[in-house]
Amino acid sequence: MPKDSEVFGRRTLLRLASGAALALGAPRAVAASSAPTDVEQIWPGRELVRLWPGAAPGTPARLPPFKIEDRGTPTFLNRVATGISDPAMIVCRPARPNGTAILLMPGGGYGVEYVDNDGMREADHWTARGMTAFILVYRLPGEGWDRHSDVPLQDAQRALRLIRARADDYRIASDRIMLLGSSAGGHLAGSLATRFNEDVYSPVDVADRQSARPDLAALLYPVISMQADITHAGSRAALIGAAASPSLVDRYSVDRRIAADTPPMFLAAAGDDDIVPVENSILAYRAMLAKRRSASMHLFETGRHGFGPNLPATSPASRWPDLLLAFATAHGLLG
């Protein structure tokens, strides 16, 4: 999640309408006269899975207007999305699938979503390695939804259940589904890894009989704690409010929800990250060790925030994908 001051260039706003109901898990096939859904406008022509067969849980009377803004440069597309009312996943299939799925969760402080840097660039990286990638475009908490603090987790639970329910169609193993969340998306991935059994929405179809527990959670420069002196202030304000009670801080701090059934966790961050303090990753690692859960943490000297798959080969932090692959292999997620 690059800082606004570090990116420049064209700024394009598109106001988009939600429409066209797609068959669950089917490739995109929308009539020319249909109004495209939010996610179709981001990546037209891609295979799309809508999360909810009807209105999403807690839909407000007035839907937030969908917008996408380019915060990149003429040579580096770096768009952010807001106003997502029809959450969905983009399915990115590899040429030679290896049976492993990876659910990607973009960051953006729960106020926007960096759909290119944390989405399509990551998907391209992992599909080249045989994984079937799913980019989650989830609803943002501060846009009028009921139970707003749980809205991202509702979408994340539903997404993982849909992937598992259609594992055969995607040519993946139902017990080889991993998460990769970046920044606030790392908080969402950590929340799903620790709150997968929590009832945050009412079941809507048979897919909701599936477990929402991931088989491995990878968190990049994640927001972990909601404690005021260590958190990313924007993420906390958007999710639970700047003046949140101690009980809310406990409930939404990933490190305080780690338990005996938390799946293996991979953490990577840079010591020079000036957006999300690296202490967040350390808290999660210590909590995993305290519960005797499997964890691997990699803290790099440099890399700052939002490095994703973009670092040059000369940077030690550029090796984090290989470290994640080794960790996933050790835990049976890769053959």
Protein backbone atom coordinates (compact mmCIF):
# COMPACT_ATOMS: atom_id res chain seq x y z
CA MET A 1 0.00 0.00 0.00
CA PRO A 2 2.19 2.90 -1.18
CA LYS A 3 1.74 6.24 0.53
CA ASP A 4 -0.16 8.90 -1.39
CA SER A 5 2.91 11.13 -1.23
CA GLU A 6 4.97 8.47 -3.03
CA VAL A 7 2.74 8.06 -6.02
CA PHE A 8 1.66 10.56 -8.63
CA GLY A 9 0.28 10.78 -12.14
CA ARG A 10 -3.13 10.55 -13.70
CA ARG A 11 -6.22 10.34 -11.50
CA THR A 12 -9.29 8.79 -13.04
CA LEU A 13 -12.64 8.46 -11.34
CA LEU A 14 -15.34 6.18 -12.70
CA ARG A 15 -18.78 5.94 -11.23
CA LEU A 16 -20.09 2.45 -11.84
CA ALA A 17 -23.40 0.68 -11.39
CA SER A 18 -23.99 -2.74 -9.95
CA GLY A 19 -26.11 -5.20 -11.95
CA ALA A 20 -25.92 -8.44 -13.87
CA ALA A 21 -26.30 -11.45 -11.61
CA LEU A 22 -23.82 -14.14 -12.59
CA ALA A 23 -24.11 -17.84 -11.98
CA LEU A 24 -22.11 -18.94 -8.95
CA GLY A 25 -18.58 -19.81 -9.99
CA ALA A 26 -19.32 -19.49 -13.71
CA PRO A 27 -17.14 -17.48 -16.09
CA ARG A 28 -18.23 -13.94 -16.79
CA ALA A 29 -20.99 -13.85 -19.39
CA VAL A 30 -22.98 -10.64 -19.29
CA ALA A 31 -25.29 -9.39 -22.01
CA ALA A 32 -24.19 -6.19 -23.68
CA SER A 33 -27.24 -4.37 -22.32
CA SER A 34 -26.54 -5.37 -18.71
CA ALA A 35 -25.00 -2.87 -16.32
CA PRO A 36 -21.60 -4.28 -15.33
CA THR A 37 -20.94 -5.13 -11.72
CA ASP A 38 -18.36 -3.31 -9.64
CA VAL A 39 -15.60 -5.87 -10.10
CA GLU A 40 -16.25 -6.29 -13.84
CA GLN A 41 -15.44 -2.63 -14.26
CA ILE A 42 -12.05 -3.17 -12.62
CA TRP A 43 -11.03 -6.19 -14.69
CA PRO A 44 -13.40 -6.58 -17.67
CA GLY A 45 -13.46 -9.95 -19.36
CA ARG A 46 -12.15 -11.86 -16.34
CA GLU A 47 -13.81 -14.85 -14.70
CA LEU A 48 -15.97 -13.50 -11.90
CA VAL A 49 -17.66 -15.08 -8.87
CA ARG A 50 -20.16 -12.95 -7.01
CA LEU A 51 -20.14 -13.70 -3.29
CA TRP A 52 -23.82 -13.33 -2.49
CA PRO A 53 -26.80 -14.64 -4.49
CA GLY A 54 -28.81 -11.57 -3.49
CA ALA A 55 -28.05 -8.41 -1.57
CA ALA A 56 -25.04 -8.65 0.70
CA PRO A 57 -25.71 -8.85 4.46
CA GLY A 58 -26.59 -5.55 6.08
CA THR A 59 -27.16 -3.71 2.79
CA PRO A 60 -27.99 -0.04 3.44
CA ALA A 61 -30.95 1.75 1.89
CA ARG A 62 -28.56 3.76 -0.27
CA LEU A 63 -25.63 1.91 -1.76
CA PRO A 64 -22.23 3.60 -1.77
CA PRO A 65 -21.21 4.78 -5.25
CA PHE A 66 -18.46 2.63 -6.71
CA LYS A 67 -15.31 4.52 -7.66
CA ILE A 68 -11.86 3.60 -8.86
CA GLU A 69 -8.91 5.98 -8.72
CA ASP A 70 -5.49 5.55 -10.25
CA ARG A 71 -2.72 6.50 -7.84
CA GLY A 72 0.03 5.23 -10.07
CA THR A 73 2.34 6.61 -12.70
CA PRO A 74 2.15 6.38 -16.50
CA THR A 75 4.19 3.16 -16.27
CA PHE A 76 2.80 1.68 -13.03
CA LEU A 77 -0.95 1.10 -12.75
CA ASN A 78 -1.92 1.40 -9.09
CA ARG A 79 -5.67 1.75 -8.72
CA VAL A 80 -7.74 1.86 -5.54
CA ALA A 81 -11.42 0.94 -5.32
CA THR A 82 -14.11 2.21 -2.95
CA GLY A 83 -17.87 1.90 -2.70
CA ILE A 84 -17.96 -1.86 -3.30
CA SER A 85 -21.57 -3.00 -2.92
CA ASP A 86 -21.43 -6.21 -4.97
CA PRO A 87 -18.36 -8.01 -3.56
CA ALA A 88 -16.82 -10.70 -5.71
CA MET A 89 -13.75 -12.74 -6.53
CA ILE A 90 -11.78 -12.71 -9.75
CA VAL A 91 -10.58 -16.21 -10.65
CA CYS A 92 -7.10 -16.40 -12.18
CA ARG A 93 -6.33 -19.90 -13.46
CA PRO A 94 -2.80 -21.15 -14.13
CA ALA A 95 -1.83 -22.89 -17.35
CA ARG A 96 -0.87 -25.99 -15.33
CA PRO A 97 -2.71 -26.05 -11.97
CA ASN A 98 -0.90 -27.73 -9.10
CA GLY A 99 -4.03 -28.19 -6.97
CA THR A 100 -3.35 -25.32 -4.55
CA ALA A 101 -5.56 -22.24 -4.21
CA ILE A 102 -4.52 -18.84 -2.93
CA LEU A 103 -7.09 -16.25 -1.82
CA LEU A 104 -5.65 -12.75 -2.16
CA MET A 105 -6.86 -9.95 0.11
CA PRO A 106 -5.79 -6.43 -0.94
CA GLY A 107 -4.91 -3.78 1.61
CA GLY A 108 -5.78 -0.13 1.86
CA GLY A 109 -6.45 0.66 5.52
CA TYR A 110 -10.07 -0.55 5.26
CA GLY A 111 -10.79 2.74 3.52
CA VAL A 112 -9.79 1.75 -0.04
CA GLU A 113 -8.50 -1.41 -1.75
CA TYR A 114 -5.30 -1.52 -3.79
CA VAL A 115 -6.69 -3.85 -6.43
CA ASP A 116 -3.69 -3.89 -8.77
CA ASN A 117 -0.65 -3.99 -6.48
CA ASP A 118 -2.21 -6.40 -3.95
CA GLY A 119 -4.50 -8.10 -6.45
CA MET A 120 -3.63 -8.71 -10.07
CA ARG A 121 0.15 -8.40 -9.65
CA GLU A 122 0.05 -10.99 -6.88
CA ALA A 123 -2.27 -13.21 -8.93
CA ASP A 124 0.10 -13.13 -11.91
CA HIS A 125 2.97 -14.04 -9.62
CA TRP A 126 1.26 -17.08 -8.10
CA THR A 127 -0.48 -18.43 -11.19
CA ALA A 128 2.94 -18.54 -12.86
CA ARG A 129 3.80 -21.00 -10.08
CA GLY A 130 0.78 -23.20 -10.70
CA MET A 131 -1.59 -21.87 -8.05
CA THR A 132 -5.19 -20.96 -8.78
CA ALA A 133 -5.56 -17.39 -7.50
CA PHE A 134 -8.73 -15.70 -6.30
CA ILE A 135 -8.68 -11.92 -5.83
CA LEU A 136 -11.19 -10.88 -3.18
CA VAL A 137 -12.79 -7.47 -3.66
CA TYR A 138 -14.56 -7.03 -0.33
CA ARG A 139 -16.87 -4.41 1.13
CA LEU A 140 -15.40 -1.62 3.23
CA PRO A 141 -16.69 -1.08 6.78
CA GLY A 142 -17.25 2.67 6.71
CA GLU A 143 -19.82 2.80 3.90
CA GLY A 144 -23.16 2.39 5.66
CA TRP A 145 -23.40 -1.38 6.25
CA ASP A 146 -25.06 -2.90 9.31
CA ARG A 147 -22.57 -4.66 11.61
CA HIS A 148 -19.98 -2.68 9.71
CA SER A 149 -16.97 -3.98 11.66
CA ASP A 150 -17.68 -7.53 10.49
CA VAL A 151 -18.46 -6.71 6.86
CA PRO A 152 -14.96 -7.56 5.50
CA LEU A 153 -14.93 -10.81 7.47
CA GLN A 154 -18.39 -11.74 6.17
CA ASP A 155 -17.07 -11.49 2.62
CA ALA A 156 -13.85 -13.35 3.47
CA GLN A 157 -15.66 -16.26 5.13
CA ARG A 158 -18.11 -16.50 2.26
CA ALA A 159 -15.32 -16.40 -0.34
CA LEU A 160 -13.37 -19.24 1.23
CA ARG A 161 -16.51 -21.37 1.55
CA LEU A 162 -17.32 -20.82 -2.12
CA ILE A 163 -13.81 -21.84 -3.15
CA ARG A 164 -14.01 -25.00 -1.05
CA ALA A 165 -17.53 -25.83 -2.28
CA ARG A 166 -16.37 -25.68 -5.92
CA ALA A 167 -12.92 -27.16 -5.45
CA ASP A 168 -13.45 -29.81 -8.14
CA ASP A 169 -14.49 -27.20 -10.70
CA TYR A 170 -11.37 -25.15 -9.96
CA ARG A 171 -9.14 -28.26 -10.04
CA ILE A 172 -7.89 -27.62 -6.52
CA ALA A 173 -7.73 -29.71 -3.37
CA SER A 174 -10.22 -28.61 -0.73
CA ASP A 175 -7.54 -28.98 1.96
CA ARG A 176 -4.96 -26.85 0.13
CA ILE A 177 -6.42 -23.36 0.33
CA MET A 178 -4.13 -20.61 1.57
CA LEU A 179 -4.57 -16.89 2.20
CA LEU A 180 -2.32 -13.99 1.27
CA GLY A 181 -3.31 -10.67 2.81
CA SER A 182 -1.43 -7.38 2.52
CA SER A 183 -1.48 -4.60 5.14
CA ALA A 184 -5.14 -4.21 6.19
CA GLY A 185 -5.75 -7.22 3.96
CA GLY A 186 -3.27 -8.97 6.26
CA HIS A 187 -5.53 -8.07 9.18
CA LEU A 188 -8.46 -9.52 7.27
CA ALA A 189 -6.51 -12.71 6.48
CA GLY A 190 -5.49 -12.97 10.14
CA SER A 191 -9.09 -12.40 11.20
CA LEU A 192 -10.29 -15.19 8.93
CA ALA A 193 -7.55 -17.49 10.24
CA THR A 194 -8.65 -16.86 13.84
CA ARG A 195 -12.40 -16.24 13.49
CA PHE A 196 -13.37 -18.73 10.78
CA ASN A 197 -15.92 -20.42 13.08
CA GLU A 198 -17.57 -17.20 14.22
CA ASP A 199 -21.15 -16.64 13.02
CA VAL A 200 -20.89 -13.24 11.37
CA TYR A 201 -23.69 -13.79 8.84
CA SER A 202 -26.70 -16.08 8.35
CA PRO A 203 -26.19 -18.96 5.89
CA VAL A 204 -27.59 -18.29 2.42
CA ASP A 205 -27.07 -21.60 0.57
CA VAL A 206 -25.38 -25.01 0.75
CA ALA A 207 -21.92 -23.49 0.27
CA ASP A 208 -22.20 -22.12 3.80
CA ARG A 209 -22.03 -25.66 5.15
CA GLN A 210 -18.34 -25.65 4.21
CA SER A 211 -15.63 -24.77 6.69
CA ALA A 212 -14.20 -21.26 6.36
CA ARG A 213 -10.90 -22.30 7.94
CA PRO A 214 -7.92 -21.68 5.64
CA ASP A 215 -5.15 -24.27 5.54
CA LEU A 216 -2.44 -21.60 5.82
CA ALA A 217 -2.42 -17.82 6.25
CA ALA A 218 0.32 -15.60 4.82
CA LEU A 219 0.36 -12.03 6.11
CA LEU A 220 2.48 -9.33 4.47
CA TYR A 221 3.33 -6.24 6.56
CA PRO A 222 -0.01 -6.85 8.32
CA VAL A 223 -2.09 -4.77 10.65
CA ILE A 224 -2.48 -7.11 13.65
CA SER A 225 -3.30 -5.13 16.76
CA MET A 226 -6.07 -2.58 17.27
CA GLN A 227 -4.23 -1.19 20.31
CA ALA A 228 -3.85 2.56 19.79
CA ASP A 229 -0.10 2.77 20.38
CA ILE A 230 0.84 0.04 17.88
CA THR A 231 -1.89 -0.19 15.26
CA HIS A 232 -2.28 1.55 11.92
CA ALA A 233 -4.54 4.40 13.00
CA GLY A 234 -6.50 4.58 9.75
CA SER A 235 -7.35 0.87 9.81
CA ARG A 236 -8.50 1.06 13.42
CA ALA A 237 -10.63 4.15 12.79
CA ALA A 238 -12.29 2.61 9.74
CA LEU A 239 -12.94 -0.78 11.34
CA ILE A 240 -13.85 -0.14 14.97
CA GLY A 241 -13.48 3.61 15.51
CA ALA A 242 -10.65 5.71 16.90
CA ALA A 243 -12.26 5.68 20.39
CA ALA A 244 -13.03 1.95 20.44
CA SER A 245 -13.65 0.29 23.81
CA PRO A 246 -11.13 -2.17 25.26
CA SER A 247 -13.51 -5.04 24.49
CA LEU A 248 -13.61 -4.06 20.80
CA VAL A 249 -9.84 -3.76 20.73
CA ASP A 250 -9.59 -7.30 22.10
CA ARG A 251 -12.13 -8.71 19.68
CA TYR A 252 -10.52 -7.24 16.55
CA SER A 253 -6.85 -7.70 17.46
CA VAL A 254 -5.63 -10.78 15.60
CA ASP A 255 -2.96 -11.64 18.16
CA ARG A 256 -5.58 -11.92 20.89
CA ARG A 257 -7.70 -14.35 18.86
CA ILE A 258 -5.00 -16.91 18.09
CA ALA A 259 -6.00 -20.30 19.49
CA ALA A 260 -5.24 -24.01 19.34
CA ASP A 261 -6.97 -24.37 15.96
CA THR A 262 -5.32 -21.41 14.20
CA PRO A 263 -3.75 -22.63 10.93
CA PRO A 264 -0.03 -22.21 10.15
CA MET A 265 0.92 -18.57 9.72
CA PHE A 266 3.61 -16.93 7.57
CA LEU A 267 4.61 -13.33 8.31
CA ALA A 268 6.84 -10.97 6.31
CA ALA A 269 7.57 -7.28 6.86
CA ALA A 270 10.35 -4.70 6.61
CA GLY A 271 12.02 -2.89 9.47
CA ASP A 272 11.79 0.44 7.64
CA ASP A 273 8.00 0.21 7.26
CA ASP A 274 6.76 3.66 8.32
CA ILE A 275 3.04 2.94 7.80
CA VAL A 276 2.32 -0.24 9.78
CA PRO A 277 4.77 -0.74 12.65
CA VAL A 278 6.70 -4.00 12.34
CA GLU A 279 5.76 -4.73 15.95
CA ASN A 280 2.41 -5.91 14.60
CA SER A 281 4.06 -8.90 12.94
CA ILE A 282 6.08 -9.60 16.06
CA LEU A 283 2.92 -9.65 18.19
CA ALA A 284 1.29 -12.21 15.91
CA TYR A 285 4.43 -14.39 15.89
CA ARG A 286 4.73 -14.34 19.67
CA ALA A 287 1.03 -15.20 20.05
CA MET A 288 1.43 -18.15 17.66
CA LEU A 289 4.40 -19.44 19.65
CA ALA A 290 2.52 -19.01 22.93
CA LYS A 291 -0.27 -21.21 21.58
CA ARG A 292 2.26 -23.66 20.11
CA ARG A 293 1.03 -23.00 16.60
CA SER A 294 3.25 -23.27 13.54
CA ALA A 295 4.60 -19.91 12.40
CA SER A 296 7.37 -18.51 10.24
CA MET A 297 8.37 -14.84 10.45
CA HIS A 298 10.75 -12.94 8.17
CA LEU A 299 11.74 -9.37 8.98
CA PHE A 300 13.85 -7.64 6.37
CA GLU A 301 16.08 -4.61 6.84
CA THR A 302 14.51 -2.67 3.98
CA GLY A 303 11.48 -2.88 1.73
CA ARG A 304 9.20 -0.32 3.38
CA HIS A 305 5.44 -0.87 3.03
CA GLY A 306 3.51 -2.42 0.15
CA PHE A 307 6.47 -4.10 -1.55
CA GLY A 308 4.48 -7.15 -2.70
CA PRO A 309 6.09 -8.88 -5.70
CA ASN A 310 7.64 -5.64 -6.98
CA LEU A 311 11.10 -5.57 -5.40
CA PRO A 312 14.26 -5.92 -7.50
CA ALA A 313 16.20 -9.17 -7.20
CA THR A 314 19.00 -7.31 -5.42
CA SER A 315 16.72 -6.71 -2.43
CA PRO A 316 16.79 -9.49 0.21
CA ALA A 317 13.06 -8.89 0.82
CA SER A 318 12.35 -9.97 -2.76
CA ARG A 319 12.89 -13.57 -1.60
CA TRP A 320 9.74 -13.67 0.53
CA PRO A 321 7.71 -15.61 -2.11
CA ASP A 322 10.30 -18.42 -2.13
CA LEU A 323 10.23 -18.51 1.66
CA LEU A 324 6.44 -18.74 1.57
CA LEU A 325 6.59 -21.57 -0.96
CA ALA A 326 9.01 -23.47 1.28
CA PHE A 327 6.73 -22.95 4.29
CA ALA A 328 3.65 -24.04 2.32
CA THR A 329 5.47 -27.12 1.07
CA ALA A 330 6.50 -28.07 4.58
CA HIS A 331 2.85 -27.97 5.58
CA GLY A 332 1.59 -30.08 2.71
CA LEU A 333 0.03 -27.37 0.58
CA LEU A 334 2.28 -28.09 -2.37
CA GLY A 335 3.19 -31.46 -3.76
